[in-house]
PDB file of N, CA and C in Angstrom:
ATOM      1  N   UNK A   1       0.764  -1.248  -0.041  1.00  0.00           N
ATOM      2  CA  UNK A   1      -0.028  -0.075   0.026  1.00  0.00           C
ATOM      3  C   UNK A   1       0.763   1.205  -0.052  1.00  0.00           C
ATOM      4  N   UNK A   2       0.534   2.225  -0.796  1.00  0.00           N
ATOM      5  CA  UNK A   2       1.357   3.361  -0.978  1.00  0.00           C
ATOM      6  C   UNK A   2       0.920   4.404   0.119  1.00  0.00           C
ATOM      7  N   UNK A   3       1.899   4.827   0.951  1.00  0.00           N
ATOM      8  CA  UNK A   3       1.464   5.816   1.952  1.00  0.00           C
ATOM      9  C   UNK A   3       1.920   7.308   1.715  1.00  0.00           C
ATOM     10  N   UNK A   4       2.368   7.442   0.388  1.00  0.00           N
ATOM     11  CA  UNK A   4       2.820   8.705  -0.007  1.00  0.00           C
ATOM     12  C   UNK A   4       1.799   9.466  -0.504  1.00  0.00           C
ATOM     13  N   UNK A   5       1.852  10.904  -0.447  1.00  0.00           N
ATOM     14  CA  UNK A   5       0.706  11.825  -1.018  1.00  0.00           C
ATOM     15  C   UNK A   5       1.489  12.983  -1.537  1.00  0.00           C
ATOM     16  N   UNK A   6       0.714  13.795  -2.158  1.00  0.00           N
ATOM     17  CA  UNK A   6       1.228  15.034  -2.716  1.00  0.00           C
ATOM     18  C   UNK A   6       0.617  16.209  -2.173  1.00  0.00           C
ATOM     19  N   UNK A   7       1.416  17.232  -1.844  1.00  0.00           N
ATOM     20  CA  UNK A   7       0.804  18.398  -1.352  1.00  0.00           C
ATOM     21  C   UNK A   7       1.015  19.406  -2.388  1.00  0.00           C
ATOM     22  N   UNK A   8       0.074  20.265  -2.766  1.00  0.00           N
ATOM     23  CA  UNK A   8       0.169  21.529  -3.767  1.00  0.00           C
ATOM     24  C   UNK A   8       0.042  22.632  -3.056  1.00  0.00           C
ATOM     25  N   UNK A   9       0.861  23.672  -3.192  1.00  0.00           N
ATOM     26  CA  UNK A   9       0.663  24.950  -2.599  1.00  0.00           C
ATOM     27  C   UNK A   9       1.403  25.970  -3.609  1.00  0.00           C
ATOM     28  N   UNK A  10       0.879  27.233  -3.605  1.00  0.00           N
ATOM     29  CA  UNK A  10       1.424  28.173  -4.501  1.00  0.00           C
ATOM     30  C   UNK A  10       2.504  28.894  -3.753  1.00  0.00           C
ATOM     31  N   UNK A  11       3.502  29.253  -4.480  1.00  0.00           N
ATOM     32  CA  UNK A  11       4.628  30.078  -4.087  1.00  0.00           C
ATOM     33  C   UNK A  11       5.106  30.805  -5.236  1.00  0.00           C
ATOM     34  N   UNK A  12       5.942  31.753  -5.064  1.00  0.00           N
ATOM     35  CA  UNK A  12       6.571  32.534  -6.200  1.00  0.00           C
ATOM     36  C   UNK A  12       7.504  31.597  -6.848  1.00  0.00           C
ATOM     37  N   UNK A  13       7.509  31.777  -8.108  1.00  0.00           N
ATOM     38  CA  UNK A  13       8.392  31.019  -9.087  1.00  0.00           C
ATOM     39  C   UNK A  13       9.891  31.195  -8.786  1.00  0.00           C
ATOM     40  N   UNK A  14      10.210  32.485  -8.624  1.00  0.00           N
ATOM     41  CA  UNK A  14      11.626  32.837  -8.230  1.00  0.00           C
ATOM     42  C   UNK A  14      12.070  32.128  -6.891  1.00  0.00           C
ATOM     43  N   UNK A  15      11.119  32.107  -5.951  1.00  0.00           N
ATOM     44  CA  UNK A  15      11.489  31.572  -4.754  1.00  0.00           C
ATOM     45  C   UNK A  15      11.753  30.047  -4.889  1.00  0.00           C
ATOM     46  N   UNK A  16      10.734  29.329  -5.527  1.00  0.00           N
ATOM     47  CA  UNK A  16      10.917  27.910  -5.795  1.00  0.00           C
ATOM     48  C   UNK A  16      12.197  27.660  -6.546  1.00  0.00           C
ATOM     49  N   UNK A  17      12.543  28.274  -7.520  1.00  0.00           N
ATOM     50  CA  UNK A  17      13.811  28.179  -8.222  1.00  0.00           C
ATOM     51  C   UNK A  17      14.921  28.333  -7.409  1.00  0.00           C
ATOM     52  N   UNK A  18      15.002  29.314  -6.557  1.00  0.00           N
ATOM     53  CA  UNK A  18      16.044  29.679  -5.740  1.00  0.00           C
ATOM     54  C   UNK A  18      16.272  28.549  -4.534  1.00  0.00           C
ATOM     55  N   UNK A  19      15.111  27.986  -4.073  1.00  0.00           N
ATOM     56  CA  UNK A  19      15.172  26.895  -3.080  1.00  0.00           C
ATOM     57  C   UNK A  19      15.592  25.552  -3.815  1.00  0.00           C
ATOM     58  N   UNK A  20      15.195  25.489  -4.940  1.00  0.00           N
ATOM     59  CA  UNK A  20      15.817  24.156  -5.777  1.00  0.00           C
ATOM     60  C   UNK A  20      17.180  24.242  -6.009  1.00  0.00           C
ATOM     61  N   UNK A  21      17.765  25.553  -6.363  1.00  0.00           N
ATOM     62  CA  UNK A  21      19.193  25.617  -6.629  1.00  0.00           C
ATOM     63  C   UNK A  21      19.926  25.496  -5.245  1.00  0.00           C
ATOM     64  N   UNK A  22      19.408  25.958  -4.226  1.00  0.00           N
ATOM     65  CA  UNK A  22      20.081  25.828  -2.828  1.00  0.00           C
ATOM     66  C   UNK A  22      20.021  24.277  -2.480  1.00  0.00           C
ATOM     67  N   UNK A  23      19.083  23.600  -2.514  1.00  0.00           N
ATOM     68  CA  UNK A  23      18.882  22.169  -2.255  1.00  0.00           C
ATOM     69  C   UNK A  23      19.925  21.427  -3.274  1.00  0.00           C
ATOM     70  N   UNK A  24      19.868  21.717  -4.412  1.00  0.00           N
ATOM     71  CA  UNK A  24      20.936  21.083  -5.476  1.00  0.00           C
ATOM     72  C   UNK A  24      22.403  21.336  -4.916  1.00  0.00           C
ATOM     73  N   UNK A  25      22.681  22.478  -4.442  1.00  0.00           N
ATOM     74  CA  UNK A  25      23.934  22.861  -4.039  1.00  0.00           C
ATOM     75  C   UNK A  25      24.343  21.904  -2.803  1.00  0.00           C
ATOM     76  N   UNK A  26      23.378  21.747  -2.000  1.00  0.00           N
ATOM     77  CA  UNK A  26      23.653  20.867  -0.779  1.00  0.00           C
ATOM     78  C   UNK A  26      23.548  19.228  -1.145  1.00  0.00           C
ATOM     79  N   UNK A  27      23.034  19.128  -2.418  1.00  0.00           N
ATOM     80  CA  UNK A  27      23.010  17.784  -2.878  1.00  0.00           C
ATOM     81  C   UNK A  27      21.859  16.866  -2.166  1.00  0.00           C
ATOM     82  N   UNK A  28      20.751  17.582  -2.024  1.00  0.00           N
ATOM     83  CA  UNK A  28      19.400  16.995  -1.536  1.00  0.00           C
ATOM     84  C   UNK A  28      18.323  17.356  -2.378  1.00  0.00           C
ATOM     85  N   UNK A  29      17.245  16.522  -2.567  1.00  0.00           N
ATOM     86  CA  UNK A  29      16.225  16.969  -3.151  1.00  0.00           C
ATOM     87  C   UNK A  29      15.310  18.114  -2.376  1.00  0.00           C
ATOM     88  N   UNK A  30      14.742  18.946  -3.049  1.00  0.00           N
ATOM     89  CA  UNK A  30      13.882  19.925  -2.328  1.00  0.00           C
ATOM     90  C   UNK A  30      12.719  19.196  -1.613  1.00  0.00           C
ATOM     91  N   UNK A  31      12.213  18.134  -2.094  1.00  0.00           N
ATOM     92  CA  UNK A  31      11.180  17.410  -1.406  1.00  0.00           C
ATOM     93  C   UNK A  31      11.757  16.867   0.069  1.00  0.00           C
ATOM     94  N   UNK A  32      12.936  16.572   0.100  1.00  0.00           N
ATOM     95  CA  UNK A  32      13.557  16.186   1.316  1.00  0.00           C
ATOM     96  C   UNK A  32      13.546  17.420   2.257  1.00  0.00           C
ATOM     97  N   UNK A  33      13.959  18.600   1.831  1.00  0.00           N
ATOM     98  CA  UNK A  33      13.771  19.720   2.743  1.00  0.00           C
ATOM     99  C   UNK A  33      12.445  20.045   3.177  1.00  0.00           C
ATOM    100  N   UNK A  34      11.488  20.023   2.230  1.00  0.00           N
ATOM    101  CA  UNK A  34      10.057  20.310   2.590  1.00  0.00           C
ATOM    102  C   UNK A  34       9.637  19.230   3.677  1.00  0.00           C
ATOM    103  N   UNK A  35       9.980  17.916   3.449  1.00  0.00           N
ATOM    104  CA  UNK A  35       9.298  16.922   4.442  1.00  0.00           C
ATOM    105  C   UNK A  35      10.153  17.178   5.714  1.00  0.00           C
ATOM    106  N   UNK A  36      11.338  17.647   5.693  1.00  0.00           N
ATOM    107  CA  UNK A  36      12.061  17.714   7.115  1.00  0.00           C
ATOM    108  C   UNK A  36      11.427  18.900   7.811  1.00  0.00           C
ATOM    109  N   UNK A  37      11.106  20.044   7.050  1.00  0.00           N
ATOM    110  CA  UNK A  37      10.379  21.120   7.703  1.00  0.00           C
ATOM    111  C   UNK A  37       8.938  20.766   8.234  1.00  0.00           C
ATOM    112  N   UNK A  38       8.342  19.911   7.386  1.00  0.00           N
ATOM    113  CA  UNK A  38       6.905  19.547   7.745  1.00  0.00           C
ATOM    114  C   UNK A  38       7.123  18.731   9.179  1.00  0.00           C
ATOM    115  N   UNK A  39       7.972  17.712   9.151  1.00  0.00           N
ATOM    116  CA  UNK A  39       8.059  16.814  10.262  1.00  0.00           C
ATOM    117  C   UNK A  39       8.607  17.698  11.518  1.00  0.00           C
ATOM    118  N   UNK A  40       9.496  18.586  11.252  1.00  0.00           N
ATOM    119  CA  UNK A  40       9.723  19.584  12.522  1.00  0.00           C
ATOM    120  C   UNK A  40       8.477  20.299  12.960  1.00  0.00           C
ATOM    121  N   UNK A  41       7.714  20.731  12.094  1.00  0.00           N
ATOM    122  CA  UNK A  41       6.614  21.439  12.441  1.00  0.00           C
ATOM    123  C   UNK A  41       5.641  20.667  13.252  1.00  0.00           C
ATOM    124  N   UNK A  42       5.431  19.412  12.821  1.00  0.00           N
ATOM    125  CA  UNK A  42       4.561  18.477  13.524  1.00  0.00           C
ATOM    126  C   UNK A  42       5.163  18.014  14.973  1.00  0.00           C
ATOM    127  N   UNK A  43       6.345  17.706  15.021  1.00  0.00           N
ATOM    128  CA  UNK A  43       7.063  17.275  16.246  1.00  0.00           C
ATOM    129  C   UNK A  43       6.952  18.312  17.214  1.00  0.00           C
ATOM    130  N   UNK A  44       7.362  19.495  16.785  1.00  0.00           N
ATOM    131  CA  UNK A  44       7.404  20.841  17.690  1.00  0.00           C
ATOM    132  C   UNK A  44       6.284  21.524  18.016  1.00  0.00           C
ATOM    133  N   UNK A  45       5.273  21.377  16.954  1.00  0.00           N
ATOM    134  CA  UNK A  45       4.061  22.282  17.105  1.00  0.00           C
ATOM    135  C   UNK A  45       4.354  23.740  16.972  1.00  0.00           C
ATOM    136  N   UNK A  46       5.466  24.117  16.200  1.00  0.00           N
ATOM    137  CA  UNK A  46       5.688  25.400  15.856  1.00  0.00           C
ATOM    138  C   UNK A  46       6.729  25.650  14.748  1.00  0.00           C
ATOM    139  N   UNK A  47       6.916  26.560  14.267  1.00  0.00           N
ATOM    140  CA  UNK A  47       7.845  26.907  13.183  1.00  0.00           C
ATOM    141  C   UNK A  47       8.570  28.133  13.411  1.00  0.00           C
ATOM    142  N   UNK A  48       9.852  28.122  13.082  1.00  0.00           N
ATOM    143  CA  UNK A  48      10.680  29.300  13.207  1.00  0.00           C
ATOM    144  C   UNK A  48      11.042  30.005  11.989  1.00  0.00           C
ATOM    145  N   UNK A  49      11.144  31.364  12.017  1.00  0.00           N
ATOM    146  CA  UNK A  49      11.627  32.113  10.804  1.00  0.00           C
ATOM    147  C   UNK A  49      12.784  32.812  11.180  1.00  0.00           C
ATOM    148  N   UNK A  50      13.916  32.629  10.453  1.00  0.00           N
ATOM    149  CA  UNK A  50      15.165  33.240  10.791  1.00  0.00           C
ATOM    150  C   UNK A  50      15.425  34.382   9.629  1.00  0.00           C
ATOM    151  N   UNK A  51      15.456  35.496  10.101  1.00  0.00           N
ATOM    152  CA  UNK A  51      15.849  36.504   9.068  1.00  0.00           C
ATOM    153  C   UNK A  51      17.191  37.219   9.422  1.00  0.00           C
ATOM    154  N   UNK A  52      17.776  37.682   8.348  1.00  0.00           N
ATOM    155  CA  UNK A  52      18.969  38.526   8.508  1.00  0.00           C
ATOM    156  C   UNK A  52      18.649  40.006   8.636  1.00  0.00           C
ATOM    157  N   UNK A  53      18.832  40.679   9.579  1.00  0.00           N
ATOM    158  CA  UNK A  53      18.505  42.150   9.632  1.00  0.00           C
ATOM    159  C   UNK A  53      19.283  42.967   8.667  1.00  0.00           C
ATOM    160  N   UNK A  54      18.698  43.909   8.238  1.00  0.00           N
ATOM    161  CA  UNK A  54      19.318  44.837   7.233  1.00  0.00           C
ATOM    162  C   UNK A  54      20.441  45.640   7.981  1.00  0.00           C
ATOM    163  N   UNK A  55      21.448  45.898   7.352  1.00  0.00           N
ATOM    164  CA  UNK A  55      22.563  46.754   7.831  1.00  0.00           C
ATOM    165  C   UNK A  55      22.144  48.113   8.540  1.00  0.00           C
ATOM    166  N   UNK A  56      21.198  48.746   7.939  1.00  0.00           N
ATOM    167  CA  UNK A  56      20.749  50.112   8.627  1.00  0.00           C
ATOM    168  C   UNK A  56      19.894  49.744   9.949  1.00  0.00           C
ATOM    169  N   UNK A  57      19.311  48.597   9.961  1.00  0.00           N
ATOM    170  CA  UNK A  57      18.767  48.293  11.187  1.00  0.00           C
ATOM    171  C   UNK A  57      19.686  47.871  12.344  1.00  0.00           C
ATOM    172  N   UNK A  58      20.652  47.238  12.005  1.00  0.00           N
ATOM    173  CA  UNK A  58      21.680  46.702  12.780  1.00  0.00           C
ATOM    174  C   UNK A  58      22.464  48.019  13.419  1.00  0.00           C
ATOM    175  N   UNK A  59      22.820  48.944  12.535  1.00  0.00           N
ATOM    176  CA  UNK A  59      23.351  50.236  12.891  1.00  0.00           C
ATOM    177  C   UNK A  59      22.487  50.917  13.856  1.00  0.00           C
ATOM    178  N   UNK A  60      21.056  50.937  13.526  1.00  0.00           N
ATOM    179  CA  UNK A  60      20.266  51.699  14.489  1.00  0.00           C
ATOM    180  C   UNK A  60      20.127  51.122  15.922  1.00  0.00           C
ATOM    181  N   UNK A  61      20.016  49.620  15.807  1.00  0.00           N
ATOM    182  CA  UNK A  61      20.056  49.038  17.149  1.00  0.00           C
ATOM    183  C   UNK A  61      21.391  49.279  17.880  1.00  0.00           C
ATOM    184  N   UNK A  62      22.631  49.300  17.200  1.00  0.00           N
ATOM    185  CA  UNK A  62      23.785  49.564  17.938  1.00  0.00           C
ATOM    186  C   UNK A  62      23.824  50.939  18.505  1.00  0.00           C
ATOM    187  N   UNK A  63      23.189  51.938  17.708  1.00  0.00           N
ATOM    188  CA  UNK A  63      23.287  53.331  18.193  1.00  0.00           C
ATOM    189  C   UNK A  63      22.321  53.411  19.559  1.00  0.00           C
ATOM    190  N   UNK A  64      21.146  52.787  19.532  1.00  0.00           N
ATOM    191  CA  UNK A  64      20.207  52.687  20.616  1.00  0.00           C
ATOM    192  C   UNK A  64      20.946  51.987  21.862  1.00  0.00           C
ATOM    193  N   UNK A  65      21.542  50.852  21.513  1.00  0.00           N
ATOM    194  CA  UNK A  65      22.267  50.199  22.529  1.00  0.00           C
ATOM    195  C   UNK A  65      23.346  51.050  23.243  1.00  0.00           C
ATOM    196  N   UNK A  66      24.230  51.721  22.386  1.00  0.00           N
ATOM    197  CA  UNK A  66      25.274  52.622  22.897  1.00  0.00           C
ATOM    198  C   UNK A  66      24.635  53.755  23.729  1.00  0.00           C
ATOM    199  N   UNK A  67      23.541  54.260  23.328  1.00  0.00           N
ATOM    200  CA  UNK A  67      22.785  55.308  24.036  1.00  0.00           C
ATOM    201  C   UNK A  67      22.433  54.816  25.340  1.00  0.00           C
ATOM    202  N   UNK A  68      21.859  53.706  25.365  1.00  0.00           N
ATOM    203  CA  UNK A  68      21.344  53.039  26.717  1.00  0.00           C
ATOM    204  C   UNK A  68      22.581  52.846  27.626  1.00  0.00           C
ATOM    205  N   UNK A  69      23.661  52.373  27.108  1.00  0.00           N
ATOM    206  CA  UNK A  69      24.838  52.141  27.910  1.00  0.00           C
ATOM    207  C   UNK A  69      25.362  53.540  28.609  1.00  0.00           C
ATOM    208  N   UNK A  70      25.298  54.456  27.736  1.00  0.00           N
ATOM    209  CA  UNK A  70      25.881  55.763  28.325  1.00  0.00           C
ATOM    210  C   UNK A  70      24.792  56.507  29.084  1.00  0.00           C
ATOM    211  N   UNK A  71      23.518  56.291  28.780  1.00  0.00           N
ATOM    212  CA  UNK A  71      22.436  57.134  29.493  1.00  0.00           C
ATOM    213  C   UNK A  71      21.340  56.234  30.006  1.00  0.00           C
ATOM    214  N   UNK A  72      21.571  55.262  30.767  1.00  0.00           N
ATOM    215  CA  UNK A  72      20.397  54.393  31.184  1.00  0.00           C
ATOM    216  C   UNK A  72      19.105  54.973  31.693  1.00  0.00           C
ATOM    217  N   UNK A  73      19.475  56.226  32.331  1.00  0.00           N
ATOM    218  CA  UNK A  73      18.308  56.952  33.005  1.00  0.00           C
ATOM    219  C   UNK A  73      17.364  57.371  32.068  1.00  0.00           C
ATOM    220  N   UNK A  74      17.612  57.600  30.913  1.00  0.00           N
ATOM    221  CA  UNK A  74      16.732  57.995  29.793  1.00  0.00           C
ATOM    222  C   UNK A  74      15.641  56.852  29.430  1.00  0.00           C
ATOM    223  N   UNK A  75      16.023  55.628  29.816  1.00  0.00           N
ATOM    224  CA  UNK A  75      15.174  54.537  29.370  1.00  0.00           C
ATOM    225  C   UNK A  75      14.473  53.911  30.473  1.00  0.00           C
ATOM    226  N   UNK A  76      14.403  54.586  31.685  1.00  0.00           N
ATOM    227  CA  UNK A  76      13.542  53.950  32.812  1.00  0.00           C
ATOM    228  C   UNK A  76      12.103  54.393  32.525  1.00  0.00           C
ATOM    229  N   UNK A  77      11.353  53.336  32.764  1.00  0.00           N
ATOM    230  CA  UNK A  77       9.782  53.466  32.708  1.00  0.00           C
ATOM    231  C   UNK A  77       9.265  52.808  34.055  1.00  0.00           C
ATOM    232  N   UNK A  78       8.120  53.440  34.395  1.00  0.00           N
ATOM    233  CA  UNK A  78       7.646  52.940  35.620  1.00  0.00           C
ATOM    234  C   UNK A  78       6.383  51.844  35.536  1.00  0.00           C
ATOM    235  N   UNK A  79       6.065  51.766  34.232  1.00  0.00           N
ATOM    236  CA  UNK A  79       4.979  50.815  34.073  1.00  0.00           C
ATOM    237  C   UNK A  79       4.993  50.236  32.650  1.00  0.00           C
ATOM    238  N   UNK A  80       4.401  49.139  32.408  1.00  0.00           N
ATOM    239  CA  UNK A  80       4.281  48.475  31.141  1.00  0.00           C
ATOM    240  C   UNK A  80       3.756  49.426  30.095  1.00  0.00           C
ATOM    241  N   UNK A  81       2.619  50.170  30.610  1.00  0.00           N
ATOM    242  CA  UNK A  81       1.764  51.015  29.794  1.00  0.00           C
ATOM    243  C   UNK A  81       2.899  52.086  29.304  1.00  0.00           C
ATOM    244  N   UNK A  82       3.697  52.711  30.306  1.00  0.00           N
ATOM    245  CA  UNK A  82       4.566  53.819  29.695  1.00  0.00           C
ATOM    246  C   UNK A  82       5.584  53.078  28.819  1.00  0.00           C
ATOM    247  N   UNK A  83       6.080  51.872  28.938  1.00  0.00           N
ATOM    248  CA  UNK A  83       6.928  51.208  28.021  1.00  0.00           C
ATOM    249  C   UNK A  83       6.419  51.197  26.678  1.00  0.00           C
ATOM    250  N   UNK A  84       5.115  50.637  26.492  1.00  0.00           N
ATOM    251  CA  UNK A  84       4.422  50.555  25.224  1.00  0.00           C
ATOM    252  C   UNK A  84       4.314  51.926  24.635  1.00  0.00           C
ATOM    253  N   UNK A  85       3.922  52.874  25.479  1.00  0.00           N
ATOM    254  CA  UNK A  85       3.691  54.319  24.835  1.00  0.00           C
ATOM    255  C   UNK A  85       5.122  54.721  24.260  1.00  0.00           C
ATOM    256  N   UNK A  86       6.259  54.515  24.969  1.00  0.00           N
ATOM    257  CA  UNK A  86       7.507  54.970  24.482  1.00  0.00           C
ATOM    258  C   UNK A  86       7.867  54.140  23.149  1.00  0.00           C
ATOM    259  N   UNK A  87       7.399  52.843  23.048  1.00  0.00           N
ATOM    260  CA  UNK A  87       7.730  52.093  21.845  1.00  0.00           C
ATOM    261  C   UNK A  87       6.964  52.785  20.641  1.00  0.00           C
ATOM    262  N   UNK A  88       5.717  53.122  20.894  1.00  0.00           N
ATOM    263  CA  UNK A  88       4.801  53.734  19.873  1.00  0.00           C
ATOM    264  C   UNK A  88       5.302  55.095  19.354  1.00  0.00           C
ATOM    265  N   UNK A  89       6.047  55.810  20.450  1.00  0.00           N
ATOM    266  CA  UNK A  89       6.413  57.176  20.048  1.00  0.00           C
ATOM    267  C   UNK A  89       7.445  57.291  19.146  1.00  0.00           C
TER     268      UNK A  89
END
């Protein structure tokens, strides 16, 4: 009895082609990559997305971090509501 099935989903052609090239470079079929991701999703009940931050965002974070280290008093909040308000500002 055949226990295999096919899943069809839409994705951008460029993304599919890039994923196929990457899998080929690693010497594994794209189907293996997708099956591994599905198995991990099922076993962990979650999925992760890993992104590489843009350089300008890294520089901005470093600037804020430096400012915090030099002037921590500027970042004191008395409540979560104040913290959220500061984030929105």
